[in-house]
Amino acid sequence: MGWNDPGRGQDPWGRKGASGPFDLDAIVQRLWRRLRGRKGAPPRWVFGVAAFAAVAGWLVTGFYSVPQGDRAVLLQFGRAVRVVRPGAHWRWPSPLAGDQIVSIRQIHVVAVGYRPMSKLYEGEPAPAEAVMLTGDQGIVRLQFAVQYRIADPRHYLFNVEHPRRTIARAAEAVMRQVIADNPSREILTGGTHPLAAAAKTRLQRLLDRYQAGVHIVAIKIQRAAPPKSVLTALEKVVQAREDTKRFASEAQAYANSILPKATADGAALVDRAHVYRAQVIAKAQARSARFLALAKIYARAPFVTRQRLLIDAMARVYRNAHKVVLSGTSRAVVNIPLAAPAPVPVSPKPPAAGPGGKP
């Protein structure tokens, strides 16, 4: 229905005699004239209602909620008062109080040595951060990422200025110390896990000293490479390292093959030496005992003993010699072959008797 229906002569509110378009300004003026009354001023209750509505609206703005996994730092007059847990809460509205919500479950990542692009660990290298000096005066380009989460929201927000920048600079300084403690050969060919673990421990200790309110989850070294100018020399170093391992393996195999034989030969030689020592000692002791026995006999009968010793010595000398005997002035030569005496014939044993007593 239109604002002015000629057939009925009334507006949409049923008022007769209305003509022309809808005028909001006229309606407001009529309402204001009614509130002012005859004295020309609005009633006092109007100001009370308006003030109450304004205060109520202002107090309603103090309600806020903290999502699960987050914490809110409550501020009063710009000062951090306490940390609020998840749920619905109320505080004095602004500007008397305020709140800042931070996530304590989210893992934040700070890249050092490269600039992240579309993915987490891909980006362009940053030479000023990536170039580091090793312990043997070498140069490496290092790219790594620091993963951390917020442990204390109050310290994280108000103890350090620009927390992410502070963490990045602290991580760079700590990693430079770790790299300076190791030679380039170990960094480039020995693995990066020990370096990352050492850097994580040092970085956590440093940030705790700053009271930064963060917990370092991990440090992941994405790339450790030498400058292009020394790449050829590094390949030779790697090849030499592989040759060293190969030669060491071959030497160990050769040692394993000859050591058992050498050990056995040494043990046999030691055994023979012990036997020879025992034999020499036994012979020496026997000769010493014989000499002492002869000395006692010689003391009782020197002449007889001397003759006996002479005869024994001559017998030993002529035992295996060809002998010629000359008898006095005779020119006859008697050849006495003092050969070994013929063996005495041994009579055969009689056969054993049978069951009947007969051979």
Protein backbone atom coordinates (compact mmCIF):
# COMPACT_ATOMS: atom_id res chain seq x y z
CA MET A 1 0.00 0.00 0.00
CA GLY A 2 1.36 3.47 -0.81
CA TRP A 3 2.00 6.21 1.68
CA ASN A 4 -1.02 8.11 0.50
CA ASP A 5 -3.89 6.02 -0.76
CA PRO A 6 -6.52 8.31 -2.49
CA GLY A 7 -9.20 5.72 -1.97
CA ARG A 8 -8.85 5.64 1.80
CA GLY A 9 -7.08 8.89 2.61
CA GLN A 10 -4.83 7.42 5.33
CA ASP A 11 -1.17 6.57 5.88
CA PRO A 12 0.22 3.09 6.68
CA TRP A 13 -0.39 3.70 10.41
CA GLY A 14 -4.09 4.28 9.84
CA ARG A 15 -3.95 8.01 10.33
CA LYS A 16 -6.41 9.86 8.14
CA GLY A 17 -5.71 13.03 6.26
CA ALA A 18 -1.95 12.18 5.72
CA SER A 19 -0.52 13.43 2.53
CA GLY A 20 2.94 13.57 1.00
CA PRO A 21 5.98 11.20 1.46
CA PHE A 22 7.28 9.71 4.76
CA ASP A 23 9.25 12.36 6.77
CA LEU A 24 11.45 10.95 9.56
CA ASP A 25 12.62 14.40 10.61
CA ALA A 26 9.03 15.51 11.26
CA ILE A 27 8.39 12.42 13.38
CA VAL A 28 11.51 13.10 15.53
CA GLN A 29 10.51 16.73 16.01
CA ARG A 30 7.02 15.75 17.13
CA LEU A 31 8.48 13.23 19.61
CA TRP A 32 10.86 15.86 20.96
CA ARG A 33 8.05 18.36 21.47
CA ARG A 34 6.08 15.82 23.46
CA LEU A 35 9.12 15.07 25.68
CA ARG A 36 9.72 18.78 26.32
CA GLY A 37 6.14 19.30 27.45
CA ARG A 38 4.76 22.69 28.20
CA LYS A 39 7.79 24.01 30.12
CA GLY A 40 10.06 23.64 27.11
CA ALA A 41 12.52 21.10 28.72
CA PRO A 42 12.49 17.25 28.68
CA PRO A 43 11.66 15.42 31.92
CA ARG A 44 14.44 14.35 34.27
CA TRP A 45 13.77 10.66 33.86
CA VAL A 46 14.83 10.97 30.23
CA PHE A 47 18.36 11.88 31.29
CA GLY A 48 18.40 9.05 33.86
CA VAL A 49 17.34 6.50 31.29
CA ALA A 50 19.91 7.78 28.83
CA ALA A 51 22.69 7.73 31.43
CA PHE A 52 21.72 4.23 32.60
CA ALA A 53 21.67 2.97 29.00
CA ALA A 54 25.08 4.49 28.33
CA VAL A 55 26.62 3.01 31.49
CA ALA A 56 25.06 -0.40 30.82
CA GLY A 57 26.33 -0.41 27.28
CA TRP A 58 29.81 0.57 28.48
CA LEU A 59 29.83 -2.21 31.12
CA VAL A 60 28.67 -4.80 28.59
CA THR A 61 31.80 -4.16 26.53
CA GLY A 62 33.84 -5.64 29.42
CA PHE A 63 32.70 -9.19 28.70
CA TYR A 64 35.18 -11.31 26.74
CA SER A 65 35.94 -14.99 26.17
CA VAL A 66 39.24 -16.92 25.92
CA PRO A 67 39.27 -19.88 23.47
CA GLN A 68 40.58 -23.30 24.45
CA GLY A 69 44.35 -23.58 24.09
CA ASP A 70 44.80 -19.82 24.59
CA ARG A 71 45.57 -17.54 27.49
CA ALA A 72 44.60 -13.91 28.04
CA VAL A 73 46.78 -11.37 29.81
CA LEU A 74 44.55 -8.98 31.77
CA LEU A 75 45.67 -5.34 31.73
CA GLN A 76 44.60 -2.62 34.12
CA PHE A 77 45.72 0.90 33.28
CA GLY A 78 48.28 -0.63 30.91
CA ARG A 79 49.84 -2.92 33.53
CA ALA A 80 49.71 -6.74 33.29
CA VAL A 81 47.76 -8.00 36.29
CA ARG A 82 47.26 -11.71 35.75
CA VAL A 83 46.91 -14.48 33.17
CA VAL A 84 43.34 -15.64 32.51
CA ARG A 85 42.48 -19.21 31.54
CA PRO A 86 39.98 -20.23 28.82
CA GLY A 87 36.30 -19.40 29.32
CA ALA A 88 33.98 -16.39 29.61
CA HIS A 89 35.19 -13.52 31.81
CA TRP A 90 34.46 -9.92 32.61
CA ARG A 91 36.83 -7.03 33.16
CA TRP A 92 36.52 -3.30 33.45
CA PRO A 93 35.81 -1.91 30.00
CA SER A 94 38.25 0.14 28.02
CA PRO A 95 40.08 2.40 28.72
CA LEU A 96 40.28 1.21 32.34
CA ALA A 97 41.31 -2.36 31.42
CA GLY A 98 42.09 -4.51 28.45
CA ASP A 99 43.22 -7.99 27.46
CA GLN A 100 45.63 -9.60 25.00
CA ILE A 101 45.00 -13.20 23.95
CA VAL A 102 47.92 -15.44 22.96
CA SER A 103 48.03 -19.11 21.94
CA ILE A 104 50.11 -21.47 24.09
CA ARG A 105 49.54 -24.59 21.98
CA GLN A 106 50.50 -23.22 18.61
CA ILE A 107 54.02 -24.00 17.42
CA HIS A 108 55.64 -20.84 16.08
CA VAL A 109 58.50 -21.00 13.59
CA VAL A 110 61.34 -18.53 13.14
CA ALA A 111 63.54 -18.95 10.06
CA VAL A 112 67.23 -18.07 10.22
CA GLY A 113 69.41 -18.07 7.13
CA TYR A 114 66.54 -18.12 4.63
CA ARG A 115 63.22 -16.48 3.93
CA PRO A 116 60.18 -18.80 3.93
CA MET A 117 58.10 -18.68 0.80
CA SER A 118 55.12 -20.92 0.12
CA LYS A 119 56.19 -23.80 2.33
CA LEU A 120 57.63 -23.92 5.80
CA TYR A 121 61.22 -24.87 4.97
CA GLU A 122 61.65 -23.44 1.49
CA GLY A 123 62.91 -19.96 0.76
CA GLU A 124 65.63 -17.76 -0.52
CA PRO A 125 68.93 -17.73 1.36
CA ALA A 126 69.85 -14.71 3.43
CA PRO A 127 73.66 -14.39 3.08
CA ALA A 128 74.09 -12.09 6.07
CA GLU A 129 72.59 -14.69 8.39
CA ALA A 130 73.59 -17.90 6.64
CA VAL A 131 77.36 -17.37 6.35
CA MET A 132 79.13 -18.66 9.48
CA LEU A 133 82.76 -19.24 10.48
CA THR A 134 83.80 -22.74 11.59
CA GLY A 135 86.37 -23.77 14.15
CA ASP A 136 89.11 -24.39 11.53
CA GLN A 137 88.60 -20.97 9.91
CA GLY A 138 86.30 -22.39 7.25
CA ILE A 139 83.04 -20.93 5.96
CA VAL A 140 79.67 -22.67 5.72
CA ARG A 141 76.21 -21.55 4.69
CA LEU A 142 73.67 -22.69 7.26
CA GLN A 143 69.88 -22.54 7.10
CA PHE A 144 67.81 -23.61 10.08
CA ALA A 145 64.41 -23.09 11.68
CA VAL A 146 63.58 -22.56 15.36
CA GLN A 147 60.28 -24.04 16.57
CA TYR A 148 58.94 -22.67 19.83
CA ARG A 149 55.74 -22.19 21.79
CA ILE A 150 54.74 -19.60 24.36
CA ALA A 151 55.25 -20.84 27.94
CA ASP A 152 54.54 -17.61 29.88
CA PRO A 153 52.27 -15.13 28.03
CA ARG A 154 53.03 -12.24 30.41
CA HIS A 155 56.80 -12.55 29.95
CA TYR A 156 56.41 -13.13 26.22
CA LEU A 157 54.39 -9.93 25.71
CA PHE A 158 56.09 -7.51 28.07
CA ASN A 159 59.64 -8.67 28.98
CA VAL A 160 61.21 -8.39 25.52
CA GLU A 161 60.51 -6.11 22.61
CA HIS A 162 59.68 -7.88 19.33
CA PRO A 163 59.85 -11.48 20.64
CA ARG A 164 60.20 -13.15 17.23
CA ARG A 165 63.05 -10.85 16.25
CA THR A 166 64.71 -11.43 19.61
CA ILE A 167 64.44 -15.22 19.22
CA ALA A 168 65.86 -15.05 15.69
CA ARG A 169 68.86 -12.94 16.77
CA ALA A 170 69.51 -15.12 19.82
CA ALA A 171 69.31 -18.29 17.70
CA GLU A 172 71.74 -16.84 15.18
CA ALA A 173 74.24 -15.93 17.91
CA VAL A 174 73.98 -19.33 19.59
CA MET A 175 74.36 -21.21 16.29
CA ARG A 176 77.45 -19.17 15.44
CA GLN A 177 78.99 -20.27 18.76
CA VAL A 178 78.19 -23.92 18.05
CA ILE A 179 79.58 -23.74 14.52
CA ALA A 180 82.74 -22.02 15.77
CA ASP A 181 83.35 -24.94 18.15
CA ASN A 182 83.42 -27.55 15.35
CA PRO A 183 85.57 -27.99 12.24
CA SER A 184 84.00 -27.66 8.83
CA ARG A 185 84.61 -31.35 8.05
CA GLU A 186 82.43 -32.45 10.97
CA ILE A 187 79.73 -29.92 10.10
CA LEU A 188 79.50 -30.84 6.42
CA THR A 189 80.02 -34.62 6.61
CA GLY A 190 79.43 -35.63 10.23
CA GLY A 191 75.70 -34.87 10.52
CA THR A 192 73.79 -31.89 11.91
CA HIS A 193 71.78 -33.55 14.70
CA PRO A 194 74.46 -33.00 17.40
CA LEU A 195 74.80 -29.37 16.32
CA ALA A 196 71.03 -28.80 16.52
CA ALA A 197 70.82 -30.42 19.96
CA ALA A 198 73.68 -28.30 21.33
CA ALA A 199 72.19 -25.12 19.84
CA LYS A 200 68.76 -25.90 21.32
CA THR A 201 70.21 -26.29 24.84
CA ARG A 202 72.19 -23.07 24.61
CA LEU A 203 69.30 -21.10 23.11
CA GLN A 204 66.88 -22.22 25.83
CA ARG A 205 69.38 -21.22 28.51
CA LEU A 206 69.86 -17.80 26.91
CA LEU A 207 66.12 -17.09 26.53
CA ASP A 208 65.51 -18.17 30.12
CA ARG A 209 68.08 -15.61 31.17
CA TYR A 210 66.14 -13.00 29.18
CA GLN A 211 62.86 -14.24 30.74
CA ALA A 212 61.35 -14.34 27.27
CA GLY A 213 58.59 -16.76 28.32
CA VAL A 214 59.13 -19.26 25.46
CA HIS A 215 59.95 -22.96 25.27
CA ILE A 216 62.16 -24.13 22.40
CA VAL A 217 60.58 -27.23 20.87
CA ALA A 218 63.27 -28.02 18.28
CA ILE A 219 65.93 -26.58 16.02
CA LYS A 220 65.96 -28.12 12.55
CA ILE A 221 68.97 -27.49 10.33
CA GLN A 222 67.69 -27.51 6.77
CA ARG A 223 70.94 -27.12 4.89
CA ALA A 224 74.66 -26.93 5.60
CA ALA A 225 76.74 -26.33 2.50
CA PRO A 226 80.09 -24.74 1.71
CA PRO A 227 80.49 -21.68 -0.51
CA LYS A 228 80.74 -22.39 -4.23
CA SER A 229 84.41 -21.34 -4.29
CA VAL A 230 85.47 -24.21 -2.01
CA LEU A 231 83.09 -26.86 -3.32
CA THR A 232 85.82 -28.68 -5.30
CA ALA A 233 88.14 -28.77 -2.31
CA LEU A 234 85.32 -30.13 -0.17
CA GLU A 235 84.68 -32.94 -2.63
CA LYS A 236 88.34 -33.91 -2.33
CA VAL A 237 88.07 -33.83 1.44
CA VAL A 238 85.02 -36.09 1.34
CA GLN A 239 86.80 -38.48 -1.04
CA ALA A 240 89.83 -38.55 1.25
CA ARG A 241 87.58 -39.29 4.20
CA GLU A 242 86.00 -42.20 2.36
CA ASP A 243 89.45 -43.50 1.37
CA THR A 244 90.53 -43.27 5.00
CA LYS A 245 87.58 -45.37 6.10
CA ARG A 246 88.25 -47.91 3.34
CA PHE A 247 91.95 -48.21 4.18
CA ALA A 248 91.13 -48.56 7.86
CA SER A 249 88.66 -51.36 7.07
CA GLU A 250 91.21 -53.18 4.92
CA ALA A 251 93.90 -52.83 7.59
CA GLN A 252 91.53 -54.14 10.23
CA ALA A 253 90.64 -57.13 8.06
CA TYR A 254 94.33 -57.90 7.48
CA ALA A 255 95.03 -57.61 11.19
CA ASN A 256 92.14 -59.94 11.97
CA SER A 257 93.58 -62.51 9.55
CA ILE A 258 97.16 -62.53 10.89
CA LEU A 259 96.65 -61.87 14.57
CA PRO A 260 95.32 -65.36 15.43
CA LYS A 261 98.27 -67.05 13.67
CA ALA A 262 100.77 -64.70 15.26
CA THR A 263 99.18 -65.31 18.66
CA ALA A 264 99.40 -69.09 18.19
CA ASP A 265 103.03 -68.89 17.01
CA GLY A 266 103.90 -66.69 19.95
CA ALA A 267 102.27 -69.09 22.39
CA ALA A 268 104.13 -72.07 20.85
CA LEU A 269 107.44 -70.18 20.99
CA VAL A 270 106.85 -69.32 24.64
CA ASP A 271 106.08 -72.98 25.40
CA ARG A 272 109.29 -74.13 23.67
CA ALA A 273 111.24 -71.53 25.58
CA HIS A 274 109.82 -72.82 28.86
CA VAL A 275 110.74 -76.41 27.91
CA TYR A 276 114.26 -75.38 26.88
CA ARG A 277 114.71 -73.48 30.13
CA ALA A 278 113.56 -76.50 32.13
CA GLN A 279 115.97 -78.75 30.21
CA VAL A 280 118.95 -76.42 30.70
CA ILE A 281 118.19 -76.02 34.39
CA ALA A 282 117.83 -79.80 34.84
CA LYS A 283 121.13 -80.50 33.04
CA ALA A 284 122.92 -77.84 35.03
CA GLN A 285 121.57 -79.21 38.27
CA ALA A 286 122.59 -82.78 37.28
CA ARG A 287 126.13 -81.71 36.37
CA SER A 288 126.41 -79.74 39.56
CA ALA A 289 125.26 -82.72 41.63
CA ARG A 290 127.71 -85.06 39.83
CA PHE A 291 130.57 -82.63 40.36
CA LEU A 292 129.79 -82.33 44.04
CA ALA A 293 129.61 -86.12 44.37
CA LEU A 294 132.98 -86.54 42.59
CA ALA A 295 134.49 -83.84 44.75
CA LYS A 296 133.56 -85.81 47.88
CA ILE A 297 134.99 -89.03 46.45
CA TYR A 298 138.16 -87.26 45.28
CA ALA A 299 138.69 -85.90 48.77
CA ARG A 300 138.75 -89.47 50.17
CA ALA A 301 140.84 -91.17 47.39
CA PRO A 302 142.52 -88.68 45.09
CA PHE A 303 144.74 -91.12 43.13
CA VAL A 304 142.12 -93.71 42.43
CA THR A 305 139.59 -91.09 41.51
CA ARG A 306 142.03 -89.34 39.19
CA GLN A 307 142.82 -92.60 37.39
CA ARG A 308 139.16 -93.42 37.12
CA LEU A 309 138.34 -90.04 35.67
CA LEU A 310 141.20 -90.42 33.16
CA ILE A 311 140.01 -93.82 32.05
CA ASP A 312 136.42 -92.55 31.67
CA ALA A 313 137.61 -89.58 29.65
CA MET A 314 139.72 -91.74 27.32
CA ALA A 315 136.79 -94.12 26.90
CA ARG A 316 134.59 -91.29 25.82
CA VAL A 317 137.23 -90.01 23.41
CA TYR A 318 138.01 -93.38 21.75
CA ARG A 319 134.47 -94.68 21.80
CA ASN A 320 133.78 -94.01 18.12
CA ALA A 321 137.39 -93.71 16.80
CA HIS A 322 139.39 -96.17 14.61
CA LYS A 323 142.11 -97.49 16.91
CA VAL A 324 145.71 -98.76 16.24
CA VAL A 325 147.70 -100.47 19.02
CA LEU A 326 151.55 -100.61 18.94
CA SER A 327 153.15 -103.14 21.24
CA GLY A 328 156.49 -101.97 22.64
CA THR A 329 159.40 -102.13 20.22
CA SER A 330 157.70 -104.53 17.90
CA ARG A 331 156.99 -103.25 14.47
CA ALA A 332 153.90 -105.33 14.11
CA VAL A 333 150.75 -103.34 13.69
CA VAL A 334 147.69 -104.87 15.25
CA ASN A 335 144.43 -103.45 14.05
CA ILE A 336 141.83 -103.89 16.71
CA PRO A 337 138.42 -103.00 15.37
CA LEU A 338 136.69 -102.06 18.57
CA ALA A 339 133.31 -102.37 17.12
CA ALA A 340 130.20 -102.75 19.06
CA PRO A 341 129.85 -106.27 20.42
CA ALA A 342 127.61 -108.60 18.52
CA PRO A 343 124.14 -108.84 19.88
CA VAL A 344 123.47 -111.83 22.03
CA PRO A 345 121.16 -114.21 20.26
CA VAL A 346 117.85 -114.49 21.90
CA SER A 347 116.37 -117.95 22.04
CA PRO A 348 112.83 -118.16 20.76
CA LYS A 349 110.14 -118.53 23.30
CA PRO A 350 108.54 -121.90 23.51
CA PRO A 351 105.05 -122.05 22.11
CA ALA A 352 102.28 -121.74 24.56
CA ALA A 353 100.69 -125.00 25.69
CA GLY A 354 97.34 -125.93 24.31
CA PRO A 355 94.34 -127.05 26.22
CA GLY A 356 95.74 -130.57 26.45
CA GLY A 357 99.13 -129.45 27.70
CA LYS A 358 100.84 -130.03 24.26
CA PRO A 359 102.47 -127.36 22.12
